[in-house]
C-alpha atoms as a PDB file:
ATOM      1  CA  UNK A   1       0.138  -0.084   0.033  1.00  0.00           C
ATOM      2  CA  UNK A   2       1.252   3.291  -0.951  1.00  0.00           C
ATOM      3  CA  UNK A   3      -1.444   5.624   0.146  1.00  0.00           C
ATOM      4  CA  UNK A   4      -4.930   6.040   1.373  1.00  0.00           C
ATOM      5  CA  UNK A   5      -6.878   8.750  -0.365  1.00  0.00           C
ATOM      6  CA  UNK A   6     -10.117  10.286   0.898  1.00  0.00           C
ATOM      7  CA  UNK A   7     -11.857  12.463  -1.656  1.00  0.00           C
ATOM      8  CA  UNK A   8     -13.949  15.384  -0.339  1.00  0.00           C
ATOM      9  CA  UNK A   9     -17.061  13.876  -1.283  1.00  0.00           C
ATOM     10  CA  UNK A  10     -16.808  10.667   0.581  1.00  0.00           C
ATOM     11  CA  UNK A  11     -19.500  10.211   3.417  1.00  0.00           C
ATOM     12  CA  UNK A  12     -20.033   7.505   5.501  1.00  0.00           C
ATOM     13  CA  UNK A  13     -22.385   7.068   8.912  1.00  0.00           C
ATOM     14  CA  UNK A  14     -20.596   6.579  12.115  1.00  0.00           C
ATOM     15  CA  UNK A  15     -16.987   5.921  12.102  1.00  0.00           C
ATOM     16  CA  UNK A  16     -14.883   4.262   9.803  1.00  0.00           C
ATOM     17  CA  UNK A  17     -11.185   3.567   9.965  1.00  0.00           C
ATOM     18  CA  UNK A  18      -9.468   3.361   6.652  1.00  0.00           C
ATOM     19  CA  UNK A  19      -6.078   2.132   8.359  1.00  0.00           C
ATOM     20  CA  UNK A  20      -5.085  -1.166   9.810  1.00  0.00           C
ATOM     21  CA  UNK A  21      -4.301  -1.278  13.485  1.00  0.00           C
ATOM     22  CA  UNK A  22      -0.609  -1.727  13.166  1.00  0.00           C
ATOM     23  CA  UNK A  23      -0.102   1.716  11.182  1.00  0.00           C
ATOM     24  CA  UNK A  24       1.948   4.598  12.938  1.00  0.00           C
ATOM     25  CA  UNK A  25      -0.823   6.879  11.818  1.00  0.00           C
ATOM     26  CA  UNK A  26      -4.818   6.281  12.181  1.00  0.00           C
ATOM     27  CA  UNK A  27      -7.048   7.755   9.620  1.00  0.00           C
ATOM     28  CA  UNK A  28     -10.804   7.834  10.170  1.00  0.00           C
ATOM     29  CA  UNK A  29     -13.791   9.254   9.039  1.00  0.00           C
ATOM     30  CA  UNK A  30     -16.505  10.138  11.404  1.00  0.00           C
ATOM     31  CA  UNK A  31     -19.841  11.392  10.934  1.00  0.00           C
ATOM     32  CA  UNK A  32     -22.377  11.800  13.875  1.00  0.00           C
ATOM     33  CA  UNK A  33     -25.776  13.544  14.142  1.00  0.00           C
ATOM     34  CA  UNK A  34     -26.396  16.752  16.439  1.00  0.00           C
ATOM     35  CA  UNK A  35     -26.542  16.111  19.799  1.00  0.00           C
ATOM     36  CA  UNK A  36     -23.909  12.856  19.673  1.00  0.00           C
ATOM     37  CA  UNK A  37     -21.855  13.212  22.599  1.00  0.00           C
ATOM     38  CA  UNK A  38     -18.304  11.553  23.026  1.00  0.00           C
ATOM     39  CA  UNK A  39     -17.510  10.825  26.821  1.00  0.00           C
ATOM     40  CA  UNK A  40     -14.622  13.212  28.186  1.00  0.00           C
ATOM     41  CA  UNK A  41     -11.093  11.034  27.992  1.00  0.00           C
ATOM     42  CA  UNK A  42      -7.590  11.502  28.217  1.00  0.00           C
ATOM     43  CA  UNK A  43      -5.259   9.246  26.146  1.00  0.00           C
ATOM     44  CA  UNK A  44      -2.746   7.212  28.075  1.00  0.00           C
ATOM     45  CA  UNK A  45       0.777   7.158  27.353  1.00  0.00           C
ATOM     46  CA  UNK A  46       1.646   4.051  25.278  1.00  0.00           C
ATOM     47  CA  UNK A  47       5.025   3.364  24.368  1.00  0.00           C
ATOM     48  CA  UNK A  48       5.324   3.040  20.375  1.00  0.00           C
ATOM     49  CA  UNK A  49       8.077   2.262  17.949  1.00  0.00           C
ATOM     50  CA  UNK A  50       7.950   4.083  14.515  1.00  0.00           C
ATOM     51  CA  UNK A  51      10.031   3.079  11.693  1.00  0.00           C
ATOM     52  CA  UNK A  52       8.811   5.226   8.681  1.00  0.00           C
ATOM     53  CA  UNK A  53       7.434   8.745   8.670  1.00  0.00           C
ATOM     54  CA  UNK A  54       3.731   8.738   7.586  1.00  0.00           C
ATOM     55  CA  UNK A  55       2.236  12.208   6.529  1.00  0.00           C
ATOM     56  CA  UNK A  56      -1.254  12.916   6.232  1.00  0.00           C
ATOM     57  CA  UNK A  57      -2.103  15.867   3.990  1.00  0.00           C
ATOM     58  CA  UNK A  58      -5.306  17.742   3.756  1.00  0.00           C
ATOM     59  CA  UNK A  59      -5.825  19.886   0.590  1.00  0.00           C
ATOM     60  CA  UNK A  60      -7.162  22.834   2.488  1.00  0.00           C
ATOM     61  CA  UNK A  61      -7.770  24.805  -1.007  1.00  0.00           C
ATOM     62  CA  UNK A  62      -6.145  24.267  -4.390  1.00  0.00           C
ATOM     63  CA  UNK A  63      -5.374  21.454  -6.647  1.00  0.00           C
ATOM     64  CA  UNK A  64      -2.001  19.275  -6.763  1.00  0.00           C
ATOM     65  CA  UNK A  65      -0.742  15.980  -8.806  1.00  0.00           C
ATOM     66  CA  UNK A  66       1.007  13.621  -6.789  1.00  0.00           C
ATOM     67  CA  UNK A  67       3.334  11.020  -8.440  1.00  0.00           C
ATOM     68  CA  UNK A  68       3.751   7.976  -6.478  1.00  0.00           C
ATOM     69  CA  UNK A  69       7.129   5.679  -6.656  1.00  0.00           C
ATOM     70  CA  UNK A  70       7.919   2.295  -5.041  1.00  0.00           C
ATOM     71  CA  UNK A  71      10.459   1.546  -2.456  1.00  0.00           C
ATOM     72  CA  UNK A  72      13.112   0.926  -5.330  1.00  0.00           C
ATOM     73  CA  UNK A  73      12.123   4.706  -6.598  1.00  0.00           C
ATOM     74  CA  UNK A  74      10.456   3.734  -9.730  1.00  0.00           C
ATOM     75  CA  UNK A  75       7.357   5.215 -10.793  1.00  0.00           C
ATOM     76  CA  UNK A  76       3.734   3.707 -10.184  1.00  0.00           C
ATOM     77  CA  UNK A  77       1.177   6.082 -10.660  1.00  0.00           C
ATOM     78  CA  UNK A  78      -0.512   9.609 -10.498  1.00  0.00           C
ATOM     79  CA  UNK A  79      -3.425  11.198  -8.676  1.00  0.00           C
ATOM     80  CA  UNK A  80      -4.819  14.290  -8.694  1.00  0.00           C
ATOM     81  CA  UNK A  81      -6.096  15.864  -5.473  1.00  0.00           C
ATOM     82  CA  UNK A  82      -8.499  19.090  -5.070  1.00  0.00           C
ATOM     83  CA  UNK A  83      -9.890  21.380  -2.317  1.00  0.00           C
ATOM     84  CA  UNK A  84     -11.187  18.971   0.632  1.00  0.00           C
ATOM     85  CA  UNK A  85      -9.250  15.821  -0.417  1.00  0.00           C
ATOM     86  CA  UNK A  86      -7.214  14.010   2.364  1.00  0.00           C
ATOM     87  CA  UNK A  87      -4.229  11.733   1.512  1.00  0.00           C
ATOM     88  CA  UNK A  88      -2.313   9.357   3.938  1.00  0.00           C
ATOM     89  CA  UNK A  89       1.148   8.822   2.339  1.00  0.00           C
ATOM     90  CA  UNK A  90       2.112   5.219   3.777  1.00  0.00           C
ATOM     91  CA  UNK A  91       4.860   4.116   1.958  1.00  0.00           C
ATOM     92  CA  UNK A  92       6.838   4.307  -1.163  1.00  0.00           C
ATOM     93  CA  UNK A  93       8.085   7.569  -2.577  1.00  0.00           C
ATOM     94  CA  UNK A  94       5.878  10.809  -3.794  1.00  0.00           C
ATOM     95  CA  UNK A  95       6.321  14.151  -5.372  1.00  0.00           C
ATOM     96  CA  UNK A  96       4.370  17.281  -5.912  1.00  0.00           C
ATOM     97  CA  UNK A  97       3.069  19.589  -8.447  1.00  0.00           C
ATOM     98  CA  UNK A  98       0.730  22.567  -7.727  1.00  0.00           C
ATOM     99  CA  UNK A  99      -1.566  22.874 -10.687  1.00  0.00           C
ATOM    100  CA  UNK A 100      -3.053  25.898  -8.733  1.00  0.00           C
ATOM    101  CA  UNK A 101      -2.413  27.933  -6.000  1.00  0.00           C
ATOM    102  CA  UNK A 102      -2.481  25.330  -3.263  1.00  0.00           C
ATOM    103  CA  UNK A 103      -2.555  25.385   0.613  1.00  0.00           C
ATOM    104  CA  UNK A 104      -2.136  22.355   2.114  1.00  0.00           C
ATOM    105  CA  UNK A 105      -2.220  21.275   6.090  1.00  0.00           C
ATOM    106  CA  UNK A 106       0.414  18.301   6.779  1.00  0.00           C
ATOM    107  CA  UNK A 107       0.569  15.955   9.856  1.00  0.00           C
ATOM    108  CA  UNK A 108       3.318  13.776  10.681  1.00  0.00           C
ATOM    109  CA  UNK A 109       5.376  11.727  13.267  1.00  0.00           C
ATOM    110  CA  UNK A 110       7.744  13.696  15.085  1.00  0.00           C
ATOM    111  CA  UNK A 111      10.283  14.664  16.481  1.00  0.00           C
ATOM    112  CA  UNK A 112      11.747  15.880  13.202  1.00  0.00           C
ATOM    113  CA  UNK A 113      14.915  14.107  12.346  1.00  0.00           C
ATOM    114  CA  UNK A 114      16.266  17.092  10.215  1.00  0.00           C
ATOM    115  CA  UNK A 115      18.464  15.580   7.003  1.00  0.00           C
ATOM    116  CA  UNK A 116      17.994  11.795   8.341  1.00  0.00           C
ATOM    117  CA  UNK A 117      14.353  12.252   8.169  1.00  0.00           C
ATOM    118  CA  UNK A 118      14.219  11.926   3.764  1.00  0.00           C
ATOM    119  CA  UNK A 119      16.049  11.029   0.943  1.00  0.00           C
ATOM    120  CA  UNK A 120      15.506  12.966  -2.271  1.00  0.00           C
ATOM    121  CA  UNK A 121      15.919  11.534  -5.667  1.00  0.00           C
ATOM    122  CA  UNK A 122      14.818  12.359  -9.247  1.00  0.00           C
ATOM    123  CA  UNK A 123      11.292  11.799  -9.739  1.00  0.00           C
ATOM    124  CA  UNK A 124       8.964  13.395 -12.317  1.00  0.00           C
ATOM    125  CA  UNK A 125       9.289  16.830 -10.734  1.00  0.00           C
ATOM    126  CA  UNK A 126      12.409  17.878  -9.805  1.00  0.00           C
ATOM    127  CA  UNK A 127      12.630  21.159  -7.791  1.00  0.00           C
ATOM    128  CA  UNK A 128      13.139  21.934  -4.175  1.00  0.00           C
ATOM    129  CA  UNK A 129      13.280  18.807  -1.751  1.00  0.00           C
ATOM    130  CA  UNK A 130      10.954  20.241   1.166  1.00  0.00           C
END
């Protein structure tokens, strides 16, 4: 699995997790009616081991082309995401081209490992390695 994409028009009742329990980031969709209550709670400290950085991107506004690559840096396929879409990047590589002015909110594991956190390579789009 390279990525999980949830398009803006996706709808489901209740809660649906898109990720298996062993992923280091969990992605779900939750739809509840007015008046539904979730009991107050805290999250307990639980030791976890994270090997890879998984990123979740929320396309707040705009349009972006994402090329996907396997672990050997070989091109797999391309997807276009637009305003309201969400993607969890699970494995492999990726590059991005903004097809319109785009604003993205990114969530990933920390702490940030600096230069050890990623390896840039020549994909389909070569510009900055952010």
